[in-house]
């Protein structure tokens, strides 16, 4: 299953894109600070979802993807 995050690094806006192989999967996405504090939580489906870090300072943020009992974390850099 393909998942894309771009642009990374970002000035503020970035996209998460899920291909059609994710169809029927309950995917939860949590945007976190580098300290682990949750900024937003969403359920995603197939397609593209926009996230906005424009109101947050430059730094490293984390995107946690959760499917069932499994999770994966990606780093997002805002400059």
Protein backbone atom coordinates (compact mmCIF):
# COMPACT_ATOMS: atom_id res chain seq x y z
CA UNK A 1 0.00 0.00 0.00
CA UNK A 2 1.37 3.38 -1.00
CA UNK A 3 1.40 6.45 1.21
CA UNK A 4 3.03 9.75 0.14
CA UNK A 5 3.75 12.88 2.17
CA UNK A 6 4.82 16.02 0.32
CA UNK A 7 6.39 18.51 0.32
CA UNK A 8 8.71 17.59 3.15
CA UNK A 9 10.31 19.84 4.31
CA UNK A 10 7.40 22.29 4.13
CA UNK A 11 6.71 25.99 4.69
CA UNK A 12 3.39 25.03 6.32
CA UNK A 13 1.03 23.13 4.03
CA UNK A 14 1.67 19.49 3.20
CA UNK A 15 -0.36 16.66 1.72
CA UNK A 16 -0.86 13.04 2.69
CA UNK A 17 -1.85 10.89 -0.28
CA UNK A 18 -3.23 7.36 -0.01
CA UNK A 19 -3.63 5.12 -3.03
CA UNK A 20 -6.68 2.93 -3.72
CA UNK A 21 -5.10 -0.08 -1.97
CA UNK A 22 -6.03 1.64 1.34
CA UNK A 23 -9.75 1.42 0.48
CA UNK A 24 -11.69 -0.18 3.33
CA UNK A 25 -8.88 0.40 5.84
CA UNK A 26 -9.58 2.46 8.96
CA UNK A 27 -6.51 4.71 9.10
CA UNK A 28 -6.14 7.18 11.94
CA UNK A 29 -3.57 9.99 11.59
CA UNK A 30 -2.32 12.04 14.53
CA UNK A 31 -0.16 15.14 14.01
CA UNK A 32 2.17 15.56 16.97
CA UNK A 33 4.79 18.02 18.19
CA UNK A 34 8.31 16.66 18.59
CA UNK A 35 7.47 16.27 22.29
CA UNK A 36 4.51 14.01 21.53
CA UNK A 37 1.69 16.50 22.15
CA UNK A 38 -1.24 15.92 19.76
CA UNK A 39 -2.14 18.87 17.51
CA UNK A 40 -4.84 17.18 15.43
CA UNK A 41 -6.33 13.74 14.85
CA UNK A 42 -8.11 12.57 11.68
CA UNK A 43 -9.46 9.47 10.03
CA UNK A 44 -8.26 9.19 6.43
CA UNK A 45 -9.54 7.32 3.43
CA UNK A 46 -8.29 7.00 -0.14
CA UNK A 47 -7.19 10.24 -1.79
CA UNK A 48 -5.33 13.34 -0.64
CA UNK A 49 -5.68 15.16 2.68
CA UNK A 50 -4.13 18.56 3.41
CA UNK A 51 -2.48 19.43 6.72
CA UNK A 52 -1.51 22.96 7.74
CA UNK A 53 1.39 23.83 10.03
CA UNK A 54 1.34 27.54 9.09
CA UNK A 55 0.31 28.64 12.60
CA UNK A 56 3.05 26.60 14.27
CA UNK A 57 6.74 27.45 14.66
CA UNK A 58 9.47 25.97 12.49
CA UNK A 59 10.72 22.61 13.72
CA UNK A 60 10.18 18.87 13.53
CA UNK A 61 6.67 17.42 13.77
CA UNK A 62 5.51 13.82 13.76
CA UNK A 63 2.72 12.11 11.84
CA UNK A 64 1.55 8.92 13.49
CA UNK A 65 -0.40 6.53 11.27
CA UNK A 66 -2.47 3.96 13.16
CA UNK A 67 -4.18 0.93 11.64
CA UNK A 68 -5.62 -1.45 14.23
CA UNK A 69 -2.83 -2.31 16.69
CA UNK A 70 -0.02 -1.19 14.37
CA UNK A 71 1.42 2.31 14.07
CA UNK A 72 4.15 4.05 12.13
CA UNK A 73 5.63 7.52 12.65
CA UNK A 74 6.95 9.86 9.93
CA UNK A 75 8.88 13.07 10.55
CA UNK A 76 7.72 16.34 8.98
CA UNK A 77 10.09 19.31 8.92
CA UNK A 78 8.66 22.84 8.86
CA UNK A 79 11.08 25.64 7.97
